[in-house]
Amino acid sequence: MPVKIKRIYEEKEKSDGVRILVDRVWPRGVSKEDAHVDEWVKEVGPSKELRQWFDHDTDKYDDFKVKYKKELKKNEEQKEALEKLKQLTKEHDKKVTLVFAAKDEKHNQAAVIKEILDHQ
C-alpha cells in the first residue's frame, strides 16, 4: 500500500492510518485537536529559503524537487527526519498519510516525500 498524502484541512478518515504532518510551520486555522495528527515531523520540511524561493509556483516545481531532495540528503536535521519517516512507514506497513497545508495537492513537499517513501 503506497503512502497517502492529503491536506490537513480535509476530514480524517479511518483509511488514513497514522497521520504525519510534514510542514515546518503549523498550518493556519487548524487547532492541534482538529488536526488529528499523530506525529509532527517538522524538521523534514524544506528550509525557509527554499520555501520562499518556491512559493508554490508550479513552474518551479521540477527545480524545487531537485533542490529539496538535495536538502534532504545534505542537511543533517532533514536527513534524520526523513529517516524517522522511513521508520514510521515501515512500522505501520505504509498505512501512513502525510498531511500538509498547501493548496496545491500535487506540487508540494509532501508529494516529494511520498515519492521517496514509496520507492524505499
PDB file of N, CA and C in Angstrom:
ATOM      1  N   MET A   1       0.844  -1.180   0.000  1.00  0.00           N
ATOM      2  CA  MET A   1       0.000   0.000   0.000  1.00  0.00           C
ATOM      3  C   MET A   1       0.890   1.244   0.000  1.00  0.00           C
ATOM      4  N   PRO A   2       0.724   2.112  -0.972  1.00  0.00           N
ATOM      5  CA  PRO A   2       1.558   3.321  -1.005  1.00  0.00           C
ATOM      6  C   PRO A   2       1.158   4.314   0.081  1.00  0.00           C
ATOM      7  N   VAL A   3       2.096   5.139   0.449  1.00  0.00           N
ATOM      8  CA  VAL A   3       1.848   6.212   1.397  1.00  0.00           C
ATOM      9  C   VAL A   3       0.855   7.179   0.743  1.00  0.00           C
ATOM     10  N   LYS A   4      -0.067   7.701   1.543  1.00  0.00           N
ATOM     11  CA  LYS A   4      -1.042   8.669   1.030  1.00  0.00           C
ATOM     12  C   LYS A   4      -0.627  10.076   1.434  1.00  0.00           C
ATOM     13  N   ILE A   5      -1.127  11.060   0.694  1.00  0.00           N
ATOM     14  CA  ILE A   5      -0.965  12.455   1.093  1.00  0.00           C
ATOM     15  C   ILE A   5      -2.332  13.124   1.011  1.00  0.00           C
ATOM     16  N   LYS A   6      -2.551  14.088   1.897  1.00  0.00           N
ATOM     17  CA  LYS A   6      -3.792  14.857   1.839  1.00  0.00           C
ATOM     18  C   LYS A   6      -3.628  16.141   2.636  1.00  0.00           C
ATOM     19  N   ARG A   7      -4.480  17.098   2.303  1.00  0.00           N
ATOM     20  CA  ARG A   7      -4.436  18.379   3.016  1.00  0.00           C
ATOM     21  C   ARG A   7      -4.914  18.196   4.451  1.00  0.00           C
ATOM     22  N   ILE A   8      -4.321  18.919   5.349  1.00  0.00           N
ATOM     23  CA  ILE A   8      -4.682  18.827   6.754  1.00  0.00           C
ATOM     24  C   ILE A   8      -6.104  19.325   6.989  1.00  0.00           C
ATOM     25  N   TYR A   9      -6.632  20.115   6.065  1.00  0.00           N
ATOM     26  CA  TYR A   9      -7.969  20.677   6.197  1.00  0.00           C
ATOM     27  C   TYR A   9      -9.067  19.672   5.833  1.00  0.00           C
ATOM     28  N   GLU A  10      -8.677  18.549   5.240  1.00  0.00           N
ATOM     29  CA  GLU A  10      -9.645  17.507   4.896  1.00  0.00           C
ATOM     30  C   GLU A  10      -9.956  16.676   6.144  1.00  0.00           C
ATOM     31  N   GLU A  11     -11.147  16.112   6.156  1.00  0.00           N
ATOM     32  CA  GLU A  11     -11.565  15.288   7.282  1.00  0.00           C
ATOM     33  C   GLU A  11     -10.663  14.066   7.438  1.00  0.00           C
ATOM     34  N   LYS A  12     -10.441  13.689   8.684  1.00  0.00           N
ATOM     35  CA  LYS A  12      -9.701  12.460   8.967  1.00  0.00           C
ATOM     36  C   LYS A  12     -10.590  11.271   8.602  1.00  0.00           C
ATOM     37  N   GLU A  13      -9.972  10.285   7.984  1.00  0.00           N
ATOM     38  CA  GLU A  13     -10.682   9.061   7.630  1.00  0.00           C
ATOM     39  C   GLU A  13      -9.957   7.886   8.273  1.00  0.00           C
ATOM     40  N   LYS A  14     -10.687   6.836   8.538  1.00  0.00           N
ATOM     41  CA  LYS A  14     -10.092   5.651   9.149  1.00  0.00           C
ATOM     42  C   LYS A  14      -8.960   5.109   8.262  1.00  0.00           C
ATOM     43  N   SER A  15      -9.141   5.219   6.944  1.00  0.00           N
ATOM     44  CA  SER A  15      -8.146   4.698   5.998  1.00  0.00           C
ATOM     45  C   SER A  15      -6.840   5.496   6.009  1.00  0.00           C
ATOM     46  N   ASP A  16      -6.825   6.655   6.687  1.00  0.00           N
ATOM     47  CA  ASP A  16      -5.602   7.465   6.766  1.00  0.00           C
ATOM     48  C   ASP A  16      -4.490   6.734   7.517  1.00  0.00           C
ATOM     49  N   GLY A  17      -4.853   5.890   8.442  1.00  0.00           N
ATOM     50  CA  GLY A  17      -3.829   5.262   9.273  1.00  0.00           C
ATOM     51  C   GLY A  17      -3.164   6.314  10.138  1.00  0.00           C
ATOM     52  N   VAL A  18      -1.849   6.260  10.233  1.00  0.00           N
ATOM     53  CA  VAL A  18      -1.090   7.228  11.021  1.00  0.00           C
ATOM     54  C   VAL A  18      -0.950   8.517  10.203  1.00  0.00           C
ATOM     55  N   ARG A  19      -1.363   9.621  10.799  1.00  0.00           N
ATOM     56  CA  ARG A  19      -1.308  10.927  10.112  1.00  0.00           C
ATOM     57  C   ARG A  19      -0.074  11.686  10.593  1.00  0.00           C
ATOM     58  N   ILE A  20       0.769  12.064   9.634  1.00  0.00           N
ATOM     59  CA  ILE A  20       2.022  12.739   9.963  1.00  0.00           C
ATOM     60  C   ILE A  20       2.072  14.077   9.234  1.00  0.00           C
ATOM     61  N   LEU A  21       2.153  15.152   9.992  1.00  0.00           N
ATOM     62  CA  LEU A  21       2.276  16.490   9.423  1.00  0.00           C
ATOM     63  C   LEU A  21       3.723  16.706   8.997  1.00  0.00           C
ATOM     64  N   VAL A  22       3.921  17.118   7.742  1.00  0.00           N
ATOM     65  CA  VAL A  22       5.282  17.295   7.219  1.00  0.00           C
ATOM     66  C   VAL A  22       5.580  18.754   6.863  1.00  0.00           C
ATOM     67  N   ASP A  23       4.814  19.679   7.412  1.00  0.00           N
ATOM     68  CA  ASP A  23       5.076  21.112   7.242  1.00  0.00           C
ATOM     69  C   ASP A  23       5.986  21.582   8.366  1.00  0.00           C
ATOM     70  N   ARG A  24       6.878  22.489   8.036  1.00  0.00           N
ATOM     71  CA  ARG A  24       7.791  23.033   9.041  1.00  0.00           C
ATOM     72  C   ARG A  24       7.054  23.985   9.993  1.00  0.00           C
ATOM     73  N   VAL A  25       6.012  24.637   9.482  1.00  0.00           N
ATOM     74  CA  VAL A  25       5.238  25.600  10.258  1.00  0.00           C
ATOM     75  C   VAL A  25       3.824  25.034  10.444  1.00  0.00           C
ATOM     76  N   TRP A  26       3.262  25.191  11.650  1.00  0.00           N
ATOM     77  CA  TRP A  26       1.908  24.682  11.904  1.00  0.00           C
ATOM     78  C   TRP A  26       0.911  25.414  10.995  1.00  0.00           C
ATOM     79  N   PRO A  27       0.008  24.674  10.357  1.00  0.00           N
ATOM     80  CA  PRO A  27      -0.957  25.271   9.414  1.00  0.00           C
ATOM     81  C   PRO A  27      -1.901  26.272  10.076  1.00  0.00           C
ATOM     82  N   ARG A  28      -2.195  27.334   9.356  1.00  0.00           N
ATOM     83  CA  ARG A  28      -3.098  28.369   9.852  1.00  0.00           C
ATOM     84  C   ARG A  28      -4.521  27.832   9.984  1.00  0.00           C
ATOM     85  N   GLY A  29      -5.181  28.281  11.028  1.00  0.00           N
ATOM     86  CA  GLY A  29      -6.592  27.996  11.188  1.00  0.00           C
ATOM     87  C   GLY A  29      -6.942  26.586  11.615  1.00  0.00           C
ATOM     88  N   VAL A  30      -5.955  25.784  12.015  1.00  0.00           N
ATOM     89  CA  VAL A  30      -6.224  24.411  12.438  1.00  0.00           C
ATOM     90  C   VAL A  30      -5.693  24.233  13.861  1.00  0.00           C
ATOM     91  N   SER A  31      -6.596  23.853  14.752  1.00  0.00           N
ATOM     92  CA  SER A  31      -6.136  23.587  16.116  1.00  0.00           C
ATOM     93  C   SER A  31      -5.470  22.210  16.139  1.00  0.00           C
ATOM     94  N   LYS A  32      -4.641  21.991  17.124  1.00  0.00           N
ATOM     95  CA  LYS A  32      -3.977  20.686  17.230  1.00  0.00           C
ATOM     96  C   LYS A  32      -5.009  19.584  17.431  1.00  0.00           C
ATOM     97  N   GLU A  33      -6.084  19.899  18.113  1.00  0.00           N
ATOM     98  CA  GLU A  33      -7.139  18.917  18.334  1.00  0.00           C
ATOM     99  C   GLU A  33      -7.847  18.559  17.019  1.00  0.00           C
ATOM    100  N   ASP A  34      -8.158  19.563  16.209  1.00  0.00           N
ATOM    101  CA  ASP A  34      -8.878  19.330  14.945  1.00  0.00           C
ATOM    102  C   ASP A  34      -7.997  18.707  13.863  1.00  0.00           C
ATOM    103  N   ALA A  35      -6.689  18.815  14.032  1.00  0.00           N
ATOM    104  CA  ALA A  35      -5.773  18.303  13.006  1.00  0.00           C
ATOM    105  C   ALA A  35      -5.712  16.778  12.988  1.00  0.00           C
ATOM    106  N   HIS A  36      -5.948  16.164  14.135  1.00  0.00           N
ATOM    107  CA  HIS A  36      -5.873  14.699  14.243  1.00  0.00           C
ATOM    108  C   HIS A  36      -4.541  14.183  13.697  1.00  0.00           C
ATOM    109  N   VAL A  37      -3.471  14.811  14.152  1.00  0.00           N
ATOM    110  CA  VAL A  37      -2.125  14.451  13.719  1.00  0.00           C
ATOM    111  C   VAL A  37      -1.492  13.549  14.783  1.00  0.00           C
ATOM    112  N   ASP A  38      -0.940  12.428  14.332  1.00  0.00           N
ATOM    113  CA  ASP A  38      -0.279  11.507  15.259  1.00  0.00           C
ATOM    114  C   ASP A  38       1.179  11.894  15.501  1.00  0.00           C
ATOM    115  N   GLU A  39       1.796  12.464  14.484  1.00  0.00           N
ATOM    116  CA  GLU A  39       3.204  12.902  14.573  1.00  0.00           C
ATOM    117  C   GLU A  39       3.338  14.202  13.788  1.00  0.00           C
ATOM    118  N   TRP A  40       4.223  15.065  14.265  1.00  0.00           N
ATOM    119  CA  TRP A  40       4.572  16.267  13.512  1.00  0.00           C
ATOM    120  C   TRP A  40       6.084  16.221  13.315  1.00  0.00           C
ATOM    121  N   VAL A  41       6.488  15.918  12.094  1.00  0.00           N
ATOM    122  CA  VAL A  41       7.914  15.815  11.775  1.00  0.00           C
ATOM    123  C   VAL A  41       8.292  17.079  10.990  1.00  0.00           C
ATOM    124  N   LYS A  42       8.309  18.197  11.711  1.00  0.00           N
ATOM    125  CA  LYS A  42       8.518  19.488  11.047  1.00  0.00           C
ATOM    126  C   LYS A  42       9.909  19.634  10.450  1.00  0.00           C
ATOM    127  N   GLU A  43      10.876  18.922  11.013  1.00  0.00           N
ATOM    128  CA  GLU A  43      12.255  19.056  10.536  1.00  0.00           C
ATOM    129  C   GLU A  43      12.434  18.561   9.102  1.00  0.00           C
ATOM    130  N   VAL A  44      11.494  17.742   8.609  1.00  0.00           N
ATOM    131  CA  VAL A  44      11.618  17.217   7.249  1.00  0.00           C
ATOM    132  C   VAL A  44      11.194  18.253   6.195  1.00  0.00           C
ATOM    133  N   GLY A  45      10.509  19.285   6.632  1.00  0.00           N
ATOM    134  CA  GLY A  45      10.045  20.312   5.693  1.00  0.00           C
ATOM    135  C   GLY A  45      11.204  21.050   5.047  1.00  0.00           C
ATOM    136  N   PRO A  46      10.946  21.636   3.886  1.00  0.00           N
ATOM    137  CA  PRO A  46      12.009  22.393   3.211  1.00  0.00           C
ATOM    138  C   PRO A  46      12.453  23.596   4.039  1.00  0.00           C
ATOM    139  N   SER A  47      13.680  24.017   3.819  1.00  0.00           N
ATOM    140  CA  SER A  47      14.216  25.181   4.526  1.00  0.00           C
ATOM    141  C   SER A  47      13.383  26.420   4.200  1.00  0.00           C
ATOM    142  N   LYS A  48      13.474  27.400   5.060  1.00  0.00           N
ATOM    143  CA  LYS A  48      12.751  28.663   4.854  1.00  0.00           C
ATOM    144  C   LYS A  48      13.131  29.276   3.510  1.00  0.00           C
ATOM    145  N   GLU A  49      14.413  29.234   3.203  1.00  0.00           N
ATOM    146  CA  GLU A  49      14.893  29.819   1.942  1.00  0.00           C
ATOM    147  C   GLU A  49      14.290  29.108   0.736  1.00  0.00           C
ATOM    148  N   LEU A  50      14.263  27.788   0.777  1.00  0.00           N
ATOM    149  CA  LEU A  50      13.713  27.027  -0.341  1.00  0.00           C
ATOM    150  C   LEU A  50      12.206  27.244  -0.446  1.00  0.00           C
ATOM    151  N   ARG A  51      11.524  27.258   0.683  1.00  0.00           N
ATOM    152  CA  ARG A  51      10.070  27.516   0.686  1.00  0.00           C
ATOM    153  C   ARG A  51       9.764  28.867   0.070  1.00  0.00           C
ATOM    154  N   GLN A  52      10.512  29.885   0.476  1.00  0.00           N
ATOM    155  CA  GLN A  52      10.274  31.231  -0.041  1.00  0.00           C
ATOM    156  C   GLN A  52      10.596  31.316  -1.527  1.00  0.00           C
ATOM    157  N   TRP A  53      11.659  30.656  -1.964  1.00  0.00           N
ATOM    158  CA  TRP A  53      12.010  30.659  -3.379  1.00  0.00           C
ATOM    159  C   TRP A  53      10.918  29.970  -4.209  1.00  0.00           C
ATOM    160  N   PHE A  54      10.462  28.812  -3.751  1.00  0.00           N
ATOM    161  CA  PHE A  54       9.449  28.039  -4.489  1.00  0.00           C
ATOM    162  C   PHE A  54       8.101  28.762  -4.506  1.00  0.00           C
ATOM    163  N   ASP A  55       7.647  29.217  -3.363  1.00  0.00           N
ATOM    164  CA  ASP A  55       6.415  29.987  -3.235  1.00  0.00           C
ATOM    165  C   ASP A  55       5.235  29.327  -3.971  1.00  0.00           C
ATOM    166  N   HIS A  56       5.230  27.992  -4.002  1.00  0.00           N
ATOM    167  CA  HIS A  56       4.161  27.193  -4.634  1.00  0.00           C
ATOM    168  C   HIS A  56       3.913  27.570  -6.095  1.00  0.00           C
ATOM    169  N   ASP A  57       4.980  27.960  -6.774  1.00  0.00           N
ATOM    170  CA  ASP A  57       4.921  28.278  -8.203  1.00  0.00           C
ATOM    171  C   ASP A  57       5.123  26.976  -8.975  1.00  0.00           C
ATOM    172  N   THR A  58       4.076  26.485  -9.629  1.00  0.00           N
ATOM    173  CA  THR A  58       4.149  25.188 -10.309  1.00  0.00           C
ATOM    174  C   THR A  58       5.214  25.166 -11.405  1.00  0.00           C
ATOM    175  N   ASP A  59       5.539  26.322 -11.967  1.00  0.00           N
ATOM    176  CA  ASP A  59       6.601  26.376 -12.985  1.00  0.00           C
ATOM    177  C   ASP A  59       7.969  26.046 -12.381  1.00  0.00           C
ATOM    178  N   LYS A  60       8.108  26.230 -11.073  1.00  0.00           N
ATOM    179  CA  LYS A  60       9.373  25.953 -10.394  1.00  0.00           C
ATOM    180  C   LYS A  60       9.408  24.556  -9.758  1.00  0.00           C
ATOM    181  N   TYR A  61       8.318  23.801  -9.885  1.00  0.00           N
ATOM    182  CA  TYR A  61       8.207  22.551  -9.130  1.00  0.00           C
ATOM    183  C   TYR A  61       9.311  21.548  -9.443  1.00  0.00           C
ATOM    184  N   ASP A  62       9.649  21.357 -10.709  1.00  0.00           N
ATOM    185  CA  ASP A  62      10.700  20.389 -11.043  1.00  0.00           C
ATOM    186  C   ASP A  62      12.035  20.778 -10.404  1.00  0.00           C
ATOM    187  N   ASP A  63      12.359  22.066 -10.452  1.00  0.00           N
ATOM    188  CA  ASP A  63      13.585  22.538  -9.801  1.00  0.00           C
ATOM    189  C   ASP A  63      13.475  22.418  -8.280  1.00  0.00           C
ATOM    190  N   PHE A  64      12.286  22.694  -7.752  1.00  0.00           N
ATOM    191  CA  PHE A  64      12.056  22.549  -6.316  1.00  0.00           C
ATOM    192  C   PHE A  64      12.324  21.114  -5.873  1.00  0.00           C
ATOM    193  N   LYS A  65      11.813  20.145  -6.626  1.00  0.00           N
ATOM    194  CA  LYS A  65      12.026  18.735  -6.279  1.00  0.00           C
ATOM    195  C   LYS A  65      13.508  18.410  -6.195  1.00  0.00           C
ATOM    196  N   VAL A  66      14.260  18.851  -7.170  1.00  0.00           N
ATOM    197  CA  VAL A  66      15.706  18.587  -7.195  1.00  0.00           C
ATOM    198  C   VAL A  66      16.382  19.233  -5.986  1.00  0.00           C
ATOM    199  N   LYS A  67      16.094  20.503  -5.754  1.00  0.00           N
ATOM    200  CA  LYS A  67      16.723  21.226  -4.643  1.00  0.00           C
ATOM    201  C   LYS A  67      16.309  20.627  -3.295  1.00  0.00           C
ATOM    202  N   TYR A  68      15.052  20.260  -3.173  1.00  0.00           N
ATOM    203  CA  TYR A  68      14.556  19.701  -1.918  1.00  0.00           C
ATOM    204  C   TYR A  68      15.187  18.341  -1.635  1.00  0.00           C
ATOM    205  N   LYS A  69      15.301  17.514  -2.655  1.00  0.00           N
ATOM    206  CA  LYS A  69      15.935  16.206  -2.461  1.00  0.00           C
ATOM    207  C   LYS A  69      17.393  16.366  -2.051  1.00  0.00           C
ATOM    208  N   LYS A  70      18.068  17.393  -2.588  1.00  0.00           N
ATOM    209  CA  LYS A  70      19.450  17.673  -2.173  1.00  0.00           C
ATOM    210  C   LYS A  70      19.495  18.069  -0.708  1.00  0.00           C
ATOM    211  N   GLU A  71      18.547  18.929  -0.305  1.00  0.00           N
ATOM    212  CA  GLU A  71      18.481  19.317   1.113  1.00  0.00           C
ATOM    213  C   GLU A  71      18.297  18.095   1.995  1.00  0.00           C
ATOM    214  N   LEU A  72      17.399  17.210   1.599  1.00  0.00           N
ATOM    215  CA  LEU A  72      17.105  16.024   2.408  1.00  0.00           C
ATOM    216  C   LEU A  72      18.318  15.104   2.538  1.00  0.00           C
ATOM    217  N   LYS A  73      19.228  15.169   1.585  1.00  0.00           N
ATOM    218  CA  LYS A  73      20.437  14.346   1.648  1.00  0.00           C
ATOM    219  C   LYS A  73      21.565  15.030   2.406  1.00  0.00           C
ATOM    220  N   LYS A  74      21.643  16.362   2.320  1.00  0.00           N
ATOM    221  CA  LYS A  74      22.794  17.075   2.859  1.00  0.00           C
ATOM    222  C   LYS A  74      22.571  17.686   4.241  1.00  0.00           C
ATOM    223  N   ASN A  75      21.368  18.160   4.516  1.00  0.00           N
ATOM    224  CA  ASN A  75      21.093  18.792   5.804  1.00  0.00           C
ATOM    225  C   ASN A  75      20.833  17.706   6.843  1.00  0.00           C
ATOM    226  N   GLU A  76      21.640  17.683   7.880  1.00  0.00           N
ATOM    227  CA  GLU A  76      21.584  16.607   8.881  1.00  0.00           C
ATOM    228  C   GLU A  76      20.215  16.498   9.553  1.00  0.00           C
ATOM    229  N   GLU A  77      19.655  17.626   9.941  1.00  0.00           N
ATOM    230  CA  GLU A  77      18.346  17.626  10.604  1.00  0.00           C
ATOM    231  C   GLU A  77      17.265  17.046   9.680  1.00  0.00           C
ATOM    232  N   GLN A  78      17.278  17.455   8.432  1.00  0.00           N
ATOM    233  CA  GLN A  78      16.287  16.954   7.475  1.00  0.00           C
ATOM    234  C   GLN A  78      16.525  15.478   7.163  1.00  0.00           C
ATOM    235  N   LYS A  79      17.783  15.094   7.067  1.00  0.00           N
ATOM    236  CA  LYS A  79      18.119  13.701   6.786  1.00  0.00           C
ATOM    237  C   LYS A  79      17.609  12.790   7.904  1.00  0.00           C
ATOM    238  N   GLU A  80      17.820  13.208   9.149  1.00  0.00           N
ATOM    239  CA  GLU A  80      17.347  12.433  10.301  1.00  0.00           C
ATOM    240  C   GLU A  80      15.817  12.359  10.321  1.00  0.00           C
ATOM    241  N   ALA A  81      15.162  13.461   9.978  1.00  0.00           N
ATOM    242  CA  ALA A  81      13.691  13.489   9.951  1.00  0.00           C
ATOM    243  C   ALA A  81      13.157  12.556   8.868  1.00  0.00           C
ATOM    244  N   LEU A  82      13.820  12.532   7.722  1.00  0.00           N
ATOM    245  CA  LEU A  82      13.403  11.629   6.652  1.00  0.00           C
ATOM    246  C   LEU A  82      13.584  10.179   7.082  1.00  0.00           C
ATOM    247  N   GLU A  83      14.669   9.894   7.777  1.00  0.00           N
ATOM    248  CA  GLU A  83      14.885   8.535   8.294  1.00  0.00           C
ATOM    249  C   GLU A  83      13.787   8.156   9.288  1.00  0.00           C
ATOM    250  N   LYS A  84      13.370   9.119  10.105  1.00  0.00           N
ATOM    251  CA  LYS A  84      12.272   8.868  11.048  1.00  0.00           C
ATOM    252  C   LYS A  84      10.997   8.518  10.277  1.00  0.00           C
ATOM    253  N   LEU A  85      10.721   9.248   9.206  1.00  0.00           N
ATOM    254  CA  LEU A  85       9.536   8.956   8.387  1.00  0.00           C
ATOM    255  C   LEU A  85       9.637   7.569   7.748  1.00  0.00           C
ATOM    256  N   LYS A  86      10.815   7.220   7.268  1.00  0.00           N
ATOM    257  CA  LYS A  86      11.009   5.893   6.684  1.00  0.00           C
ATOM    258  C   LYS A  86      10.726   4.816   7.712  1.00  0.00           C
ATOM    259  N   GLN A  87      11.202   5.035   8.938  1.00  0.00           N
ATOM    260  CA  GLN A  87      10.978   4.075  10.011  1.00  0.00           C
ATOM    261  C   GLN A  87       9.494   3.968  10.345  1.00  0.00           C
ATOM    262  N   LEU A  88       8.817   5.100  10.424  1.00  0.00           N
ATOM    263  CA  LEU A  88       7.384   5.093  10.728  1.00  0.00           C
ATOM    264  C   LEU A  88       6.581   4.367   9.650  1.00  0.00           C
ATOM    265  N   THR A  89       6.960   4.560   8.392  1.00  0.00           N
ATOM    266  CA  THR A  89       6.216   3.873   7.324  1.00  0.00           C
ATOM    267  C   THR A  89       6.438   2.368   7.394  1.00  0.00           C
ATOM    268  N   LYS A  90       7.634   1.955   7.781  1.00  0.00           N
ATOM    269  CA  LYS A  90       7.890   0.513   7.942  1.00  0.00           C
ATOM    270  C   LYS A  90       7.117  -0.047   9.128  1.00  0.00           C
ATOM    271  N   GLU A  91       7.146   0.666  10.241  1.00  0.00           N
ATOM    272  CA  GLU A  91       6.454   0.216  11.450  1.00  0.00           C
ATOM    273  C   GLU A  91       4.951   0.059  11.229  1.00  0.00           C
ATOM    274  N   HIS A  92       4.398   0.923  10.410  1.00  0.00           N
ATOM    275  CA  HIS A  92       2.953   0.925  10.191  1.00  0.00           C
ATOM    276  C   HIS A  92       2.585   0.324   8.835  1.00  0.00           C
ATOM    277  N   ASP A  93       3.514  -0.436   8.259  1.00  0.00           N
ATOM    278  CA  ASP A  93       3.271  -1.122   6.992  1.00  0.00           C
ATOM    279  C   ASP A  93       2.716  -0.177   5.928  1.00  0.00           C
ATOM    280  N   LYS A  94       3.270   1.024   5.889  1.00  0.00           N
ATOM    281  CA  LYS A  94       2.906   2.069   4.936  1.00  0.00           C
ATOM    282  C   LYS A  94       1.458   2.542   5.064  1.00  0.00           C
ATOM    283  N   LYS A  95       0.794   2.213   6.159  1.00  0.00           N
ATOM    284  CA  LYS A  95      -0.547   2.755   6.400  1.00  0.00           C
ATOM    285  C   LYS A  95      -0.367   4.122   7.045  1.00  0.00           C
ATOM    286  N   VAL A  96       0.151   5.031   6.227  1.00  0.00           N
ATOM    287  CA  VAL A  96       0.543   6.356   6.682  1.00  0.00           C
ATOM    288  C   VAL A  96      -0.005   7.387   5.708  1.00  0.00           C
ATOM    289  N   THR A  97      -0.469   8.508   6.263  1.00  0.00           N
ATOM    290  CA  THR A  97      -0.881   9.634   5.432  1.00  0.00           C
ATOM    291  C   THR A  97      -0.053  10.845   5.839  1.00  0.00           C
ATOM    292  N   LEU A  98       0.647  11.408   4.879  1.00  0.00           N
ATOM    293  CA  LEU A  98       1.390  12.644   5.103  1.00  0.00           C
ATOM    294  C   LEU A  98       0.416  13.792   4.902  1.00  0.00           C
ATOM    295  N   VAL A  99       0.281  14.649   5.898  1.00  0.00           N
ATOM    296  CA  VAL A  99      -0.633  15.780   5.769  1.00  0.00           C
ATOM    297  C   VAL A  99       0.164  17.077   5.660  1.00  0.00           C
ATOM    298  N   PHE A 100      -0.439  18.023   4.947  1.00  0.00           N
ATOM    299  CA  PHE A 100       0.225  19.279   4.616  1.00  0.00           C
ATOM    300  C   PHE A 100      -0.837  20.361   4.454  1.00  0.00           C
ATOM    301  N   ALA A 101      -0.420  21.608   4.414  1.00  0.00           N
ATOM    302  CA  ALA A 101      -1.363  22.725   4.314  1.00  0.00           C
ATOM    303  C   ALA A 101      -1.475  23.308   2.907  1.00  0.00           C
ATOM    304  N   ALA A 102      -0.524  23.086   2.049  1.00  0.00           N
ATOM    305  CA  ALA A 102      -0.518  23.710   0.722  1.00  0.00           C
ATOM    306  C   ALA A 102      -1.829  23.477  -0.025  1.00  0.00           C
ATOM    307  N   LYS A 103      -2.257  24.475  -0.779  1.00  0.00           N
ATOM    308  CA  LYS A 103      -3.490  24.349  -1.565  1.00  0.00           C
ATOM    309  C   LYS A 103      -3.311  23.396  -2.736  1.00  0.00           C
ATOM    310  N   ASP A 104      -2.137  23.420  -3.335  1.00  0.00           N
ATOM    311  CA  ASP A 104      -1.854  22.566  -4.486  1.00  0.00           C
ATOM    312  C   ASP A 104      -1.500  21.169  -3.973  1.00  0.00           C
ATOM    313  N   GLU A 105      -2.343  20.209  -4.285  1.00  0.00           N
ATOM    314  CA  GLU A 105      -2.168  18.860  -3.744  1.00  0.00           C
ATOM    315  C   GLU A 105      -1.128  18.027  -4.487  1.00  0.00           C
ATOM    316  N   LYS A 106      -0.645  18.508  -5.618  1.00  0.00           N
ATOM    317  CA  LYS A 106       0.317  17.740  -6.408  1.00  0.00           C
ATOM    318  C   LYS A 106       1.722  18.327  -6.388  1.00  0.00           C
ATOM    319  N   HIS A 107       1.834  19.602  -6.108  1.00  0.00           N
ATOM    320  CA  HIS A 107       3.132  20.288  -6.187  1.00  0.00           C
ATOM    321  C   HIS A 107       3.509  20.833  -4.818  1.00  0.00           C
ATOM    322  N   ASN A 108       3.996  19.959  -3.952  1.00  0.00           N
ATOM    323  CA  ASN A 108       4.374  20.369  -2.595  1.00  0.00           C
ATOM    324  C   ASN A 108       5.380  19.372  -2.032  1.00  0.00           C
ATOM    325  N   GLN A 109       5.894  19.676  -0.838  1.00  0.00           N
ATOM    326  CA  GLN A 109       6.923  18.813  -0.259  1.00  0.00           C
ATOM    327  C   GLN A 109       6.383  17.435   0.092  1.00  0.00           C
ATOM    328  N   ALA A 110       5.111  17.331   0.468  1.00  0.00           N
ATOM    329  CA  ALA A 110       4.543  16.018   0.807  1.00  0.00           C
ATOM    330  C   ALA A 110       4.578  15.089  -0.404  1.00  0.00           C
ATOM    331  N   ALA A 111       4.334  15.635  -1.585  1.00  0.00           N
ATOM    332  CA  ALA A 111       4.385  14.821  -2.809  1.00  0.00           C
ATOM    333  C   ALA A 111       5.801  14.304  -3.054  1.00  0.00           C
ATOM    334  N   VAL A 112       6.797  15.134  -2.778  1.00  0.00           N
ATOM    335  CA  VAL A 112       8.194  14.721  -2.942  1.00  0.00           C
ATOM    336  C   VAL A 112       8.541  13.630  -1.923  1.00  0.00           C
ATOM    337  N   ILE A 113       8.140  13.838  -0.683  1.00  0.00           N
ATOM    338  CA  ILE A 113       8.426  12.857   0.374  1.00  0.00           C
ATOM    339  C   ILE A 113       7.726  11.536   0.067  1.00  0.00           C
ATOM    340  N   LYS A 114       6.482  11.608  -0.378  1.00  0.00           N
ATOM    341  CA  LYS A 114       5.734  10.390  -0.735  1.00  0.00           C
ATOM    342  C   LYS A 114       6.486   9.600  -1.809  1.00  0.00           C
ATOM    343  N   GLU A 115       6.972  10.303  -2.810  1.00  0.00           N
ATOM    344  CA  GLU A 115       7.733   9.662  -3.889  1.00  0.00           C
ATOM    345  C   GLU A 115       8.948   8.919  -3.324  1.00  0.00           C
ATOM    346  N   ILE A 116       9.642   9.554  -2.400  1.00  0.00           N
ATOM    347  CA  ILE A 116      10.818   8.938  -1.783  1.00  0.00           C
ATOM    348  C   ILE A 116      10.406   7.707  -0.969  1.00  0.00           C
ATOM    349  N   LEU A 117       9.379   7.848  -0.150  1.00  0.00           N
ATOM    350  CA  LEU A 117       8.946   6.749   0.720  1.00  0.00           C
ATOM    351  C   LEU A 117       8.380   5.571  -0.071  1.00  0.00           C
ATOM    352  N   ASP A 118       7.687   5.861  -1.154  1.00  0.00           N
ATOM    353  CA  ASP A 118       7.112   4.786  -1.971  1.00  0.00           C
ATOM    354  C   ASP A 118       8.181   3.972  -2.684  1.00  0.00           C
ATOM    355  N   HIS A 119       9.368   4.550  -2.836  1.00  0.00           N
ATOM    356  CA  HIS A 119      10.448   3.858  -3.556  1.00  0.00           C
ATOM    357  C   HIS A 119      11.536   3.340  -2.633  1.00  0.00           C
ATOM    358  N   GLN A 120      11.239   3.258  -1.347  1.00  0.00           N
ATOM    359  CA  GLN A 120      12.262   2.748  -0.422  1.00  0.00           C
ATOM    360  C   GLN A 120      12.240   1.237  -0.362  1.00  0.00           C
TER     361      GLN A 120
END
